[in-house]
C-alpha atoms as a PDB file:
ATOM      1  CA  MET A   1     -22.141 -63.001 -13.105  1.00  0.00           C
ATOM      2  CA  LEU A   2     -20.846 -59.490 -12.869  1.00  0.00           C
ATOM      3  CA  TRP A   3     -21.358 -57.073 -15.781  1.00  0.00           C
ATOM      4  CA  LYS A   4     -17.659 -57.059 -16.612  1.00  0.00           C
ATOM      5  CA  THR A   5     -17.642 -60.853 -16.897  1.00  0.00           C
ATOM      6  CA  HIS A   6     -20.647 -60.753 -19.234  1.00  0.00           C
ATOM      7  CA  SER A   7     -19.040 -58.017 -21.280  1.00  0.00           C
ATOM      8  CA  ALA A   8     -15.677 -59.815 -21.546  1.00  0.00           C
ATOM      9  CA  PHE A   9     -17.318 -63.075 -22.587  1.00  0.00           C
ATOM     10  CA  GLY A  10     -19.565 -61.338 -25.106  1.00  0.00           C
ATOM     11  CA  THR A  11     -16.471 -59.723 -26.600  1.00  0.00           C
ATOM     12  CA  ALA A  12     -14.593 -63.028 -26.662  1.00  0.00           C
ATOM     13  CA  ALA A  13     -17.496 -64.841 -28.317  1.00  0.00           C
ATOM     14  CA  ALA A  14     -17.787 -62.116 -30.970  1.00  0.00           C
ATOM     15  CA  SER A  15     -14.077 -62.433 -31.740  1.00  0.00           C
ATOM     16  CA  PHE A  16     -14.931 -65.734 -33.491  1.00  0.00           C
ATOM     17  CA  LEU A  17     -17.047 -63.691 -35.928  1.00  0.00           C
ATOM     18  CA  SER A  18     -14.907 -60.561 -36.293  1.00  0.00           C
ATOM     19  CA  THR A  19     -11.836 -58.886 -34.854  1.00  0.00           C
ATOM     20  CA  ASP A  20     -13.006 -55.412 -35.790  1.00  0.00           C
ATOM     21  CA  PRO A  21     -12.711 -53.311 -32.599  1.00  0.00           C
ATOM     22  CA  VAL A  22     -16.079 -51.635 -33.195  1.00  0.00           C
ATOM     23  CA  ILE A  23     -17.800 -55.037 -33.508  1.00  0.00           C
ATOM     24  CA  LEU A  24     -16.037 -56.307 -30.382  1.00  0.00           C
ATOM     25  CA  ALA A  25     -17.035 -53.206 -28.396  1.00  0.00           C
ATOM     26  CA  LEU A  26     -20.612 -53.550 -29.623  1.00  0.00           C
ATOM     27  CA  ALA A  27     -20.743 -57.200 -28.567  1.00  0.00           C
ATOM     28  CA  GLY A  28     -19.346 -56.386 -25.146  1.00  0.00           C
ATOM     29  CA  THR A  29     -22.020 -53.747 -24.698  1.00  0.00           C
ATOM     30  CA  LEU A  30     -24.858 -55.909 -26.042  1.00  0.00           C
ATOM     31  CA  SER A  31     -23.959 -58.791 -23.730  1.00  0.00           C
ATOM     32  CA  VAL A  32     -25.134 -56.858 -20.669  1.00  0.00           C
ATOM     33  CA  ILE A  33     -28.601 -56.140 -22.141  1.00  0.00           C
ATOM     34  CA  PRO A  34     -30.333 -58.995 -20.245  1.00  0.00           C
ATOM     35  CA  ASP A  35     -29.443 -57.357 -16.911  1.00  0.00           C
ATOM     36  CA  MET A  36     -31.471 -54.263 -17.834  1.00  0.00           C
ATOM     37  CA  ASP A  37     -34.424 -56.170 -16.343  1.00  0.00           C
ATOM     38  CA  LYS A  38     -33.278 -55.658 -12.746  1.00  0.00           C
ATOM     39  CA  PRO A  39     -35.903 -52.966 -11.951  1.00  0.00           C
ATOM     40  CA  PHE A  40     -38.655 -55.285 -13.232  1.00  0.00           C
ATOM     41  CA  GLY A  41     -37.715 -58.617 -11.611  1.00  0.00           C
ATOM     42  CA  HIS A  42     -34.364 -60.050 -12.530  1.00  0.00           C
ATOM     43  CA  ARG A  43     -33.854 -63.094 -14.762  1.00  0.00           C
ATOM     44  CA  GLY A  44     -37.322 -63.470 -16.159  1.00  0.00           C
ATOM     45  CA  TRP A  45     -38.190 -65.178 -19.426  1.00  0.00           C
ATOM     46  CA  PHE A  46     -38.187 -61.851 -21.243  1.00  0.00           C
ATOM     47  CA  SER A  47     -34.464 -61.367 -20.675  1.00  0.00           C
ATOM     48  CA  HIS A  48     -32.833 -64.672 -19.776  1.00  0.00           C
ATOM     49  CA  SER A  49     -34.164 -67.272 -22.228  1.00  0.00           C
ATOM     50  CA  PHE A  50     -33.008 -68.303 -25.659  1.00  0.00           C
ATOM     51  CA  PHE A  51     -36.465 -67.180 -26.837  1.00  0.00           C
ATOM     52  CA  ALA A  52     -35.601 -63.681 -25.587  1.00  0.00           C
ATOM     53  CA  ALA A  53     -32.166 -63.926 -27.239  1.00  0.00           C
ATOM     54  CA  GLY A  54     -33.935 -64.698 -30.499  1.00  0.00           C
ATOM     55  CA  LEU A  55     -36.234 -61.681 -30.046  1.00  0.00           C
ATOM     56  CA  PHE A  56     -33.228 -59.438 -29.317  1.00  0.00           C
ATOM     57  CA  GLY A  57     -31.459 -60.845 -32.401  1.00  0.00           C
ATOM     58  CA  LEU A  58     -34.554 -60.196 -34.511  1.00  0.00           C
ATOM     59  CA  ALA A  59     -34.714 -56.630 -33.162  1.00  0.00           C
ATOM     60  CA  GLY A  60     -31.031 -56.159 -34.064  1.00  0.00           C
ATOM     61  CA  PHE A  61     -31.710 -57.491 -37.544  1.00  0.00           C
ATOM     62  CA  ILE A  62     -34.623 -55.046 -38.057  1.00  0.00           C
ATOM     63  CA  VAL A  63     -32.955 -51.983 -36.495  1.00  0.00           C
ATOM     64  CA  SER A  64     -29.761 -52.531 -38.527  1.00  0.00           C
ATOM     65  CA  GLY A  65     -31.662 -52.533 -41.829  1.00  0.00           C
ATOM     66  CA  ALA A  66     -31.830 -56.300 -42.268  1.00  0.00           C
ATOM     67  CA  SER A  67     -28.192 -57.125 -41.457  1.00  0.00           C
ATOM     68  CA  ILE A  68     -27.989 -60.834 -40.747  1.00  0.00           C
ATOM     69  CA  PHE A  69     -24.563 -60.282 -39.215  1.00  0.00           C
ATOM     70  CA  ILE A  70     -25.850 -57.744 -36.652  1.00  0.00           C
ATOM     71  CA  GLY A  71     -28.844 -59.962 -35.842  1.00  0.00           C
ATOM     72  CA  LEU A  72     -26.500 -62.897 -35.251  1.00  0.00           C
ATOM     73  CA  LEU A  73     -24.129 -60.726 -33.171  1.00  0.00           C
ATOM     74  CA  VAL A  74     -26.969 -59.552 -30.903  1.00  0.00           C
ATOM     75  CA  PHE A  75     -28.252 -63.150 -30.536  1.00  0.00           C
ATOM     76  CA  LEU A  76     -24.735 -64.395 -29.721  1.00  0.00           C
ATOM     77  CA  ALA A  77     -24.015 -61.642 -27.159  1.00  0.00           C
ATOM     78  CA  VAL A  78     -27.321 -62.186 -25.315  1.00  0.00           C
ATOM     79  CA  SER A  79     -26.973 -66.000 -25.482  1.00  0.00           C
ATOM     80  CA  VAL A  80     -23.486 -65.865 -23.949  1.00  0.00           C
ATOM     81  CA  HIS A  81     -24.928 -63.821 -21.099  1.00  0.00           C
ATOM     82  CA  ILE A  82     -27.605 -66.434 -20.516  1.00  0.00           C
ATOM     83  CA  LEU A  83     -25.070 -69.290 -20.611  1.00  0.00           C
ATOM     84  CA  LEU A  84     -22.923 -67.577 -17.981  1.00  0.00           C
ATOM     85  CA  ASP A  85     -25.928 -67.053 -15.705  1.00  0.00           C
ATOM     86  CA  PHE A  86     -26.660 -70.770 -16.150  1.00  0.00           C
ATOM     87  CA  PHE A  87     -23.781 -71.330 -13.674  1.00  0.00           C
ATOM     88  CA  THR A  88     -25.402 -69.227 -10.934  1.00  0.00           C
ATOM     89  CA  LEU A  89     -27.371 -70.611  -7.963  1.00  0.00           C
ATOM     90  CA  SER A  90     -30.622 -69.063  -9.165  1.00  0.00           C
ATOM     91  CA  GLY A  91     -30.402 -70.437 -12.715  1.00  0.00           C
ATOM     92  CA  VAL A  92     -32.278 -69.004 -15.676  1.00  0.00           C
ATOM     93  CA  PRO A  93     -35.457 -69.906 -17.629  1.00  0.00           C
ATOM     94  CA  VAL A  94     -33.457 -70.905 -20.732  1.00  0.00           C
ATOM     95  CA  LEU A  95     -36.205 -73.122 -22.154  1.00  0.00           C
ATOM     96  CA  PHE A  96     -39.037 -70.602 -22.125  1.00  0.00           C
ATOM     97  CA  PRO A  97     -41.709 -70.883 -23.668  1.00  0.00           C
ATOM     98  CA  PHE A  98     -41.437 -74.646 -23.309  1.00  0.00           C
ATOM     99  CA  SER A  99     -40.705 -74.411 -19.599  1.00  0.00           C
ATOM    100  CA  SER A 100     -40.807 -71.506 -17.179  1.00  0.00           C
ATOM    101  CA  LYS A 101     -38.644 -73.388 -14.668  1.00  0.00           C
ATOM    102  CA  ASP A 102     -35.218 -71.972 -13.866  1.00  0.00           C
ATOM    103  CA  HIS A 103     -32.458 -74.306 -15.053  1.00  0.00           C
ATOM    104  CA  GLY A 104     -28.762 -74.184 -14.254  1.00  0.00           C
ATOM    105  CA  LEU A 105     -25.655 -75.891 -12.998  1.00  0.00           C
ATOM    106  CA  ARG A 106     -26.019 -73.879  -9.781  1.00  0.00           C
ATOM    107  CA  VAL A 107     -22.275 -73.708  -9.124  1.00  0.00           C
ATOM    108  CA  SER A 108     -22.097 -70.441  -7.190  1.00  0.00           C
ATOM    109  CA  ARG A 109     -23.589 -67.008  -6.532  1.00  0.00           C
ATOM    110  CA  SER A 110     -23.357 -64.583  -9.431  1.00  0.00           C
ATOM    111  CA  SER A 111     -21.145 -62.300  -7.342  1.00  0.00           C
ATOM    112  CA  ASP A 112     -18.636 -65.041  -6.501  1.00  0.00           C
ATOM    113  CA  VAL A 113     -15.172 -63.513  -7.044  1.00  0.00           C
ATOM    114  CA  LEU A 114     -13.407 -66.761  -7.928  1.00  0.00           C
ATOM    115  CA  LEU A 115     -15.996 -67.848 -10.504  1.00  0.00           C
ATOM    116  CA  ASN A 116     -16.021 -64.395 -12.134  1.00  0.00           C
ATOM    117  CA  LYS A 117     -12.222 -64.264 -12.276  1.00  0.00           C
ATOM    118  CA  ALA A 118     -12.096 -67.779 -13.771  1.00  0.00           C
ATOM    119  CA  PHE A 119     -14.577 -66.808 -16.499  1.00  0.00           C
ATOM    120  CA  LEU A 120     -12.723 -63.533 -17.088  1.00  0.00           C
ATOM    121  CA  ALA A 121      -9.473 -65.416 -17.544  1.00  0.00           C
ATOM    122  CA  VAL A 122     -11.071 -67.798 -20.059  1.00  0.00           C
ATOM    123  CA  ALA A 123     -12.660 -64.896 -21.942  1.00  0.00           C
ATOM    124  CA  LEU A 124      -9.366 -63.004 -22.133  1.00  0.00           C
ATOM    125  CA  ALA A 125      -7.521 -66.121 -23.272  1.00  0.00           C
ATOM    126  CA  ILE A 126     -10.069 -66.687 -26.070  1.00  0.00           C
ATOM    127  CA  LEU A 127      -9.884 -63.046 -27.100  1.00  0.00           C
ATOM    128  CA  ALA A 128      -6.073 -63.014 -27.037  1.00  0.00           C
ATOM    129  CA  TYR A 129      -5.894 -66.165 -29.143  1.00  0.00           C
ATOM    130  CA  ASN A 130      -8.402 -64.896 -31.723  1.00  0.00           C
ATOM    131  CA  LEU A 131      -6.701 -61.514 -31.971  1.00  0.00           C
ATOM    132  CA  SER A 132      -3.264 -63.071 -32.215  1.00  0.00           C
ATOM    133  CA  THR A 133      -4.327 -65.259 -35.085  1.00  0.00           C
ATOM    134  CA  ALA A 134      -6.052 -62.379 -36.887  1.00  0.00           C
ATOM    135  CA  TYR A 135      -3.235 -59.860 -36.607  1.00  0.00           C
ATOM    136  CA  ASP A 136       0.512 -60.104 -37.164  1.00  0.00           C
ATOM    137  CA  LEU A 137       1.538 -59.742 -33.514  1.00  0.00           C
ATOM    138  CA  PRO A 138       5.263 -59.020 -34.062  1.00  0.00           C
ATOM    139  CA  LYS A 139       4.311 -56.061 -36.274  1.00  0.00           C
ATOM    140  CA  LEU A 140       1.586 -55.003 -33.871  1.00  0.00           C
ATOM    141  CA  LEU A 141       3.987 -54.996 -30.935  1.00  0.00           C
ATOM    142  CA  SER A 142       6.672 -53.175 -32.899  1.00  0.00           C
ATOM    143  CA  GLY A 143       4.294 -50.363 -33.859  1.00  0.00           C
ATOM    144  CA  LEU A 144       4.425 -51.059 -37.601  1.00  0.00           C
ATOM    145  CA  PRO A 145       1.201 -50.947 -39.626  1.00  0.00           C
ATOM    146  CA  VAL A 146      -0.794 -54.184 -39.231  1.00  0.00           C
ATOM    147  CA  GLN A 147      -2.757 -55.994 -41.895  1.00  0.00           C
ATOM    148  CA  LEU A 148      -5.321 -58.724 -41.361  1.00  0.00           C
ATOM    149  CA  THR A 149      -3.962 -62.126 -42.322  1.00  0.00           C
END
């Protein structure tokens, strides 16, 4: 998938945990972390497995001063990235360390425009729904101060 698809889906997934704009922006940013491996051999176990997602989540927990929420947010953002790459032709080693084999549905190339747009549309729909249920949309659209419901 493209970075913007990963970012949008990470943001959408995080909107189930929080609708705070800072948290959503953080999740969108964190969800592209697995692709930082491109200079070292893309989609290896150290970036595209649930084991790696757990390690990233643990790192987030430690760096944040033992915040379970931040650890969970990092794990969720990285896991969503891995799940999206599960649809690509190359697959991902999701089951490492139990299996180093790449697994996936192998639907299309990661750069496929139609697949990326479909996932972007789903992510935006999820985000719109979660935000609309968290905020009073008529007030938000009218410019009046908004309170969480």
